[in-house]
């Protein structure tokens, strides 16, 4: 069975708003601020993915539970995304380094056995 794609747009605004216990107008406002970027259907209907809903829950937590203003939320979200990108880059570099070291070991072992 295929695992669901967290980026697949599947919730209309009323459903997404209900999932995160917010008013649809709040979701529209967050979109205008650039905090959330839902997909659009061919008829221009906003469609939210599971990842969008998760992000809305984060925003809700920052604002309502931690008292962060929306400018602060934007900074936090941007920094979190940047950290995730950097972490992914570190993993790519680590894998490339390990592959290079494995090739070097294999080449060294090949020349050692030839003597």
C-alpha atoms as a PDB file:
ATOM      1  CA  UNK A   1       0.000   0.000   0.000  1.00  0.00           C
ATOM      2  CA  UNK A   2       1.317   3.444  -0.930  1.00  0.00           C
ATOM      3  CA  UNK A   3       2.049   5.900   1.834  1.00  0.00           C
ATOM      4  CA  UNK A   4       0.043   9.104   1.471  1.00  0.00           C
ATOM      5  CA  UNK A   5       1.878  12.116   0.100  1.00  0.00           C
ATOM      6  CA  UNK A   6       1.914  14.835   2.772  1.00  0.00           C
ATOM      7  CA  UNK A   7       2.151  17.481   0.041  1.00  0.00           C
ATOM      8  CA  UNK A   8      -0.894  16.307  -1.904  1.00  0.00           C
ATOM      9  CA  UNK A   9      -3.554  19.050  -1.836  1.00  0.00           C
ATOM     10  CA  UNK A  10      -6.754  17.426  -0.619  1.00  0.00           C
ATOM     11  CA  UNK A  11      -8.632  19.663   1.857  1.00  0.00           C
ATOM     12  CA  UNK A  12     -10.816  22.606   0.901  1.00  0.00           C
ATOM     13  CA  UNK A  13     -10.569  25.644   3.135  1.00  0.00           C
ATOM     14  CA  UNK A  14     -13.612  24.815   5.290  1.00  0.00           C
ATOM     15  CA  UNK A  15     -12.262  21.338   6.071  1.00  0.00           C
ATOM     16  CA  UNK A  16      -8.722  22.594   6.714  1.00  0.00           C
ATOM     17  CA  UNK A  17     -10.096  25.318   9.012  1.00  0.00           C
ATOM     18  CA  UNK A  18     -12.134  22.758  10.939  1.00  0.00           C
ATOM     19  CA  UNK A  19      -9.094  20.456  11.278  1.00  0.00           C
ATOM     20  CA  UNK A  20      -7.075  23.223  12.934  1.00  0.00           C
ATOM     21  CA  UNK A  21      -9.975  24.826  14.801  1.00  0.00           C
ATOM     22  CA  UNK A  22      -9.666  28.176  13.009  1.00  0.00           C
ATOM     23  CA  UNK A  23     -12.028  30.333  10.997  1.00  0.00           C
ATOM     24  CA  UNK A  24     -11.573  30.099   7.200  1.00  0.00           C
ATOM     25  CA  UNK A  25     -10.983  33.862   7.149  1.00  0.00           C
ATOM     26  CA  UNK A  26      -7.953  33.311   9.403  1.00  0.00           C
ATOM     27  CA  UNK A  27      -6.525  30.883   6.852  1.00  0.00           C
ATOM     28  CA  UNK A  28      -7.069  33.466   4.104  1.00  0.00           C
ATOM     29  CA  UNK A  29      -5.328  36.089   6.246  1.00  0.00           C
ATOM     30  CA  UNK A  30      -2.360  33.801   6.889  1.00  0.00           C
ATOM     31  CA  UNK A  31      -2.148  33.214   3.137  1.00  0.00           C
ATOM     32  CA  UNK A  32      -2.105  36.975   2.454  1.00  0.00           C
ATOM     33  CA  UNK A  33       0.742  37.288   4.972  1.00  0.00           C
ATOM     34  CA  UNK A  34       2.629  34.495   3.215  1.00  0.00           C
ATOM     35  CA  UNK A  35       2.585  32.162   6.225  1.00  0.00           C
ATOM     36  CA  UNK A  36       0.795  29.444   4.265  1.00  0.00           C
ATOM     37  CA  UNK A  37       0.664  28.729   0.529  1.00  0.00           C
ATOM     38  CA  UNK A  38      -2.182  26.364  -0.337  1.00  0.00           C
ATOM     39  CA  UNK A  39      -2.445  24.941  -3.831  1.00  0.00           C
ATOM     40  CA  UNK A  40      -5.228  26.036  -6.126  1.00  0.00           C
ATOM     41  CA  UNK A  41      -7.547  23.889  -8.203  1.00  0.00           C
ATOM     42  CA  UNK A  42      -8.221  24.759 -11.832  1.00  0.00           C
ATOM     43  CA  UNK A  43     -11.284  26.629 -10.514  1.00  0.00           C
ATOM     44  CA  UNK A  44      -9.032  28.635  -8.130  1.00  0.00           C
ATOM     45  CA  UNK A  45     -10.315  26.818  -5.030  1.00  0.00           C
ATOM     46  CA  UNK A  46      -7.745  26.677  -2.211  1.00  0.00           C
ATOM     47  CA  UNK A  47      -6.595  23.134  -1.500  1.00  0.00           C
ATOM     48  CA  UNK A  48      -4.592  22.351   1.619  1.00  0.00           C
ATOM     49  CA  UNK A  49      -2.246  19.396   2.040  1.00  0.00           C
ATOM     50  CA  UNK A  50      -1.530  17.473   5.239  1.00  0.00           C
ATOM     51  CA  UNK A  51       1.739  19.446   5.430  1.00  0.00           C
ATOM     52  CA  UNK A  52      -0.233  22.718   5.176  1.00  0.00           C
ATOM     53  CA  UNK A  53      -2.533  21.577   7.996  1.00  0.00           C
ATOM     54  CA  UNK A  54       0.508  20.685  10.103  1.00  0.00           C
ATOM     55  CA  UNK A  55       1.965  24.138   9.438  1.00  0.00           C
ATOM     56  CA  UNK A  56      -1.339  25.775  10.430  1.00  0.00           C
ATOM     57  CA  UNK A  57      -1.248  23.830  13.688  1.00  0.00           C
ATOM     58  CA  UNK A  58       2.278  25.111  14.312  1.00  0.00           C
ATOM     59  CA  UNK A  59       1.154  28.683  13.673  1.00  0.00           C
ATOM     60  CA  UNK A  60      -1.808  28.182  16.004  1.00  0.00           C
ATOM     61  CA  UNK A  61       0.525  26.840  18.700  1.00  0.00           C
ATOM     62  CA  UNK A  62       2.989  29.727  18.363  1.00  0.00           C
ATOM     63  CA  UNK A  63       0.255  32.374  18.471  1.00  0.00           C
ATOM     64  CA  UNK A  64      -2.195  30.958  21.005  1.00  0.00           C
ATOM     65  CA  UNK A  65      -0.038  28.841  23.293  1.00  0.00           C
ATOM     66  CA  UNK A  66       3.264  30.711  23.210  1.00  0.00           C
ATOM     67  CA  UNK A  67       2.028  34.259  22.579  1.00  0.00           C
ATOM     68  CA  UNK A  68       4.237  34.862  19.530  1.00  0.00           C
ATOM     69  CA  UNK A  69       3.053  37.607  17.176  1.00  0.00           C
ATOM     70  CA  UNK A  70       2.689  36.846  13.451  1.00  0.00           C
ATOM     71  CA  UNK A  71       5.963  38.558  12.535  1.00  0.00           C
ATOM     72  CA  UNK A  72       7.701  36.305  15.052  1.00  0.00           C
ATOM     73  CA  UNK A  73       5.872  33.272  13.661  1.00  0.00           C
ATOM     74  CA  UNK A  74       7.178  34.114  10.197  1.00  0.00           C
ATOM     75  CA  UNK A  75      10.749  34.335  11.514  1.00  0.00           C
ATOM     76  CA  UNK A  76      10.414  31.045  13.399  1.00  0.00           C
ATOM     77  CA  UNK A  77       8.963  29.240  10.373  1.00  0.00           C
ATOM     78  CA  UNK A  78      11.622  30.622   8.023  1.00  0.00           C
ATOM     79  CA  UNK A  79      14.441  29.652  10.389  1.00  0.00           C
ATOM     80  CA  UNK A  80      12.954  26.192  10.902  1.00  0.00           C
ATOM     81  CA  UNK A  81      12.772  25.659   7.136  1.00  0.00           C
ATOM     82  CA  UNK A  82      16.337  26.896   6.697  1.00  0.00           C
ATOM     83  CA  UNK A  83      17.560  24.532   9.422  1.00  0.00           C
ATOM     84  CA  UNK A  84      15.793  21.598   7.732  1.00  0.00           C
ATOM     85  CA  UNK A  85      17.421  22.506   4.402  1.00  0.00           C
ATOM     86  CA  UNK A  86      20.844  22.721   6.055  1.00  0.00           C
ATOM     87  CA  UNK A  87      20.294  19.397   7.814  1.00  0.00           C
ATOM     88  CA  UNK A  88      19.384  17.764   4.490  1.00  0.00           C
ATOM     89  CA  UNK A  89      22.513  19.264   2.904  1.00  0.00           C
ATOM     90  CA  UNK A  90      24.672  17.902   5.727  1.00  0.00           C
ATOM     91  CA  UNK A  91      23.168  14.449   5.169  1.00  0.00           C
ATOM     92  CA  UNK A  92      23.889  14.670   1.411  1.00  0.00           C
ATOM     93  CA  UNK A  93      27.473  15.768   2.086  1.00  0.00           C
ATOM     94  CA  UNK A  94      27.948  13.011   4.670  1.00  0.00           C
ATOM     95  CA  UNK A  95      26.698  10.384   2.204  1.00  0.00           C
ATOM     96  CA  UNK A  96      28.997  11.734  -0.526  1.00  0.00           C
ATOM     97  CA  UNK A  97      31.966  11.714   1.848  1.00  0.00           C
ATOM     98  CA  UNK A  98      31.231   8.159   2.971  1.00  0.00           C
ATOM     99  CA  UNK A  99      30.950   7.031  -0.655  1.00  0.00           C
ATOM    100  CA  UNK A 100      34.248   8.734  -1.476  1.00  0.00           C
ATOM    101  CA  UNK A 101      35.956   7.121   1.508  1.00  0.00           C
ATOM    102  CA  UNK A 102      34.575   3.703   0.533  1.00  0.00           C
ATOM    103  CA  UNK A 103      35.909   4.137  -3.018  1.00  0.00           C
ATOM    104  CA  UNK A 104      39.290   5.170  -1.671  1.00  0.00           C
ATOM    105  CA  UNK A 105      39.400   2.143   0.676  1.00  0.00           C
ATOM    106  CA  UNK A 106      38.436  -0.167  -2.168  1.00  0.00           C
ATOM    107  CA  UNK A 107      41.126   1.317  -4.404  1.00  0.00           C
ATOM    108  CA  UNK A 108      43.723   1.055  -1.628  1.00  0.00           C
ATOM    109  CA  UNK A 109      42.779  -2.554  -0.873  1.00  0.00           C
ATOM    110  CA  UNK A 110      42.998  -3.364  -4.566  1.00  0.00           C
ATOM    111  CA  UNK A 111      46.558  -2.026  -4.815  1.00  0.00           C
ATOM    112  CA  UNK A 112      47.604  -3.727  -1.547  1.00  0.00           C
ATOM    113  CA  UNK A 113      46.520  -7.147  -2.819  1.00  0.00           C
ATOM    114  CA  UNK A 114      48.383  -6.665  -6.069  1.00  0.00           C
ATOM    115  CA  UNK A 115      51.819  -6.635  -4.363  1.00  0.00           C
END
